[in-house]
Amino acid sequence: MNSDESWLTFDEEAKVLHNKVRAFAGWPGTRAKLQLMNQNGEPDVLDIKVISTNVSTSCDKVGDENEILFSGNSLLVPCSGSTWLEV
């Protein structure tokens, strides 16, 4: 196991990613890159460390299939298989 394996890609199902976060807890931890649009409408890439996740198979929020949503204190990230990873 090396630190390059700790990166999350959201083209996998949320359950797989959730298990990866649990497996890499401690060292090296899990990380992800998110692309956000800045105030000028230009893309910025944000590197985040993912500490805790939950799996959600349904989301009552409506958004683009690649759109990250906010729910309370969590981010909802769309994953493969119409699943959502709550970060």
C-alpha atoms as a PDB file:
ATOM      1  CA  MET A   1       0.000   0.000   0.000  1.00  0.00           C
ATOM      2  CA  ASN A   2       1.419   3.381  -0.977  1.00  0.00           C
ATOM      3  CA  SER A   3       0.193   6.954  -0.757  1.00  0.00           C
ATOM      4  CA  ASP A   4      -0.669   7.104  -4.485  1.00  0.00           C
ATOM      5  CA  GLU A   5      -3.410   4.540  -3.824  1.00  0.00           C
ATOM      6  CA  SER A   6      -5.043   6.873  -1.320  1.00  0.00           C
ATOM      7  CA  TRP A   7      -6.578   9.174  -3.972  1.00  0.00           C
ATOM      8  CA  LEU A   8     -10.348   8.886  -4.438  1.00  0.00           C
ATOM      9  CA  THR A   9     -11.879   8.960  -7.899  1.00  0.00           C
ATOM     10  CA  PHE A  10     -15.614   9.316  -8.027  1.00  0.00           C
ATOM     11  CA  ASP A  11     -16.097   6.982 -11.002  1.00  0.00           C
ATOM     12  CA  GLU A  12     -16.504   4.129  -8.497  1.00  0.00           C
ATOM     13  CA  GLU A  13     -19.552   3.358  -6.371  1.00  0.00           C
ATOM     14  CA  ALA A  14     -19.857   5.208  -3.066  1.00  0.00           C
ATOM     15  CA  LYS A  15     -19.614   1.960  -1.044  1.00  0.00           C
ATOM     16  CA  VAL A  16     -16.213   1.166  -2.591  1.00  0.00           C
ATOM     17  CA  LEU A  17     -14.969   4.679  -1.830  1.00  0.00           C
ATOM     18  CA  HIS A  18     -16.342   4.579   1.726  1.00  0.00           C
ATOM     19  CA  ASN A  19     -14.484   1.318   2.353  1.00  0.00           C
ATOM     20  CA  LYS A  20     -11.312   2.844   0.901  1.00  0.00           C
ATOM     21  CA  VAL A  21     -11.577   5.791   3.313  1.00  0.00           C
ATOM     22  CA  ARG A  22     -11.915   3.337   6.204  1.00  0.00           C
ATOM     23  CA  ALA A  23      -8.999   1.190   4.962  1.00  0.00           C
ATOM     24  CA  PHE A  24      -6.649   4.166   4.600  1.00  0.00           C
ATOM     25  CA  ALA A  25      -7.613   5.795   7.916  1.00  0.00           C
ATOM     26  CA  GLY A  26      -4.513   6.851   9.796  1.00  0.00           C
ATOM     27  CA  TRP A  27      -1.784   6.517   7.187  1.00  0.00           C
ATOM     28  CA  PRO A  28      -1.787   7.735   4.508  1.00  0.00           C
ATOM     29  CA  GLY A  29      -5.408   8.930   4.783  1.00  0.00           C
ATOM     30  CA  THR A  30      -7.505   9.541   1.687  1.00  0.00           C
ATOM     31  CA  ARG A  31      -7.452  12.538  -0.597  1.00  0.00           C
ATOM     32  CA  ALA A  32      -9.516  13.817  -3.495  1.00  0.00           C
ATOM     33  CA  LYS A  33      -9.342  16.576  -6.062  1.00  0.00           C
ATOM     34  CA  LEU A  34     -12.464  18.644  -6.622  1.00  0.00           C
ATOM     35  CA  GLN A  35     -12.888  21.151  -9.421  1.00  0.00           C
ATOM     36  CA  LEU A  36     -14.722  24.279  -8.345  1.00  0.00           C
ATOM     37  CA  MET A  37     -15.660  27.346 -10.333  1.00  0.00           C
ATOM     38  CA  ASN A  38     -14.243  30.594  -8.937  1.00  0.00           C
ATOM     39  CA  GLN A  39     -15.997  33.989  -8.957  1.00  0.00           C
ATOM     40  CA  ASN A  40     -14.702  34.659 -12.476  1.00  0.00           C
ATOM     41  CA  GLY A  41     -16.227  31.399 -13.770  1.00  0.00           C
ATOM     42  CA  GLU A  42     -12.806  29.789 -14.143  1.00  0.00           C
ATOM     43  CA  PRO A  43     -12.066  26.301 -12.782  1.00  0.00           C
ATOM     44  CA  ASP A  44      -9.944  25.928  -9.652  1.00  0.00           C
ATOM     45  CA  VAL A  45      -8.768  22.533  -8.406  1.00  0.00           C
ATOM     46  CA  LEU A  46      -9.044  21.965  -4.671  1.00  0.00           C
ATOM     47  CA  ASP A  47      -7.151  19.117  -2.960  1.00  0.00           C
ATOM     48  CA  ILE A  48      -8.998  17.862   0.109  1.00  0.00           C
ATOM     49  CA  LYS A  49      -8.219  15.290   2.762  1.00  0.00           C
ATOM     50  CA  VAL A  50     -11.221  13.031   3.342  1.00  0.00           C
ATOM     51  CA  ILE A  51     -11.582  12.033   6.992  1.00  0.00           C
ATOM     52  CA  SER A  52     -15.090  10.637   7.295  1.00  0.00           C
ATOM     53  CA  THR A  53     -17.719   9.410   4.820  1.00  0.00           C
ATOM     54  CA  ASN A  54     -21.138   7.799   4.613  1.00  0.00           C
ATOM     55  CA  VAL A  55     -22.875   6.091   1.702  1.00  0.00           C
ATOM     56  CA  SER A  56     -26.156   7.417   0.362  1.00  0.00           C
ATOM     57  CA  THR A  57     -28.018   5.510  -2.351  1.00  0.00           C
ATOM     58  CA  SER A  58     -30.551   8.276  -2.833  1.00  0.00           C
ATOM     59  CA  CYS A  59     -30.374  12.011  -2.840  1.00  0.00           C
ATOM     60  CA  ASP A  60     -33.459  14.193  -2.639  1.00  0.00           C
ATOM     61  CA  LYS A  61     -31.539  17.159  -4.017  1.00  0.00           C
ATOM     62  CA  VAL A  62     -31.677  17.901  -7.720  1.00  0.00           C
ATOM     63  CA  GLY A  63     -28.495  18.813  -9.515  1.00  0.00           C
ATOM     64  CA  ASP A  64     -26.303  18.032 -12.465  1.00  0.00           C
ATOM     65  CA  GLU A  65     -24.929  14.480 -12.339  1.00  0.00           C
ATOM     66  CA  ASN A  66     -21.426  15.883 -11.808  1.00  0.00           C
ATOM     67  CA  GLU A  67     -22.458  18.569  -9.349  1.00  0.00           C
ATOM     68  CA  ILE A  68     -21.302  18.429  -5.732  1.00  0.00           C
ATOM     69  CA  LEU A  69     -24.126  19.377  -3.393  1.00  0.00           C
ATOM     70  CA  PHE A  70     -24.214  20.638   0.185  1.00  0.00           C
ATOM     71  CA  SER A  71     -26.331  18.973   2.850  1.00  0.00           C
ATOM     72  CA  GLY A  72     -25.949  20.430   6.341  1.00  0.00           C
ATOM     73  CA  ASN A  73     -22.253  20.182   7.210  1.00  0.00           C
ATOM     74  CA  SER A  74     -21.530  17.622   4.479  1.00  0.00           C
ATOM     75  CA  LEU A  75     -20.691  17.514   0.812  1.00  0.00           C
ATOM     76  CA  LEU A  76     -22.670  15.083  -1.333  1.00  0.00           C
ATOM     77  CA  VAL A  77     -20.495  13.828  -4.177  1.00  0.00           C
ATOM     78  CA  PRO A  78     -22.091  11.881  -7.049  1.00  0.00           C
ATOM     79  CA  CYS A  79     -20.484   8.502  -7.718  1.00  0.00           C
ATOM     80  CA  SER A  80     -20.961   5.601 -10.105  1.00  0.00           C
ATOM     81  CA  GLY A  81     -24.191   3.602  -9.984  1.00  0.00           C
ATOM     82  CA  SER A  82     -26.334   6.607  -8.971  1.00  0.00           C
ATOM     83  CA  THR A  83     -24.821   6.492  -5.483  1.00  0.00           C
ATOM     84  CA  TRP A  84     -23.675   9.448  -3.393  1.00  0.00           C
ATOM     85  CA  LEU A  85     -20.734   9.752  -1.036  1.00  0.00           C
ATOM     86  CA  GLU A  86     -21.351  12.023   1.927  1.00  0.00           C
ATOM     87  CA  VAL A  87     -18.075  13.662   2.921  1.00  0.00           C
END
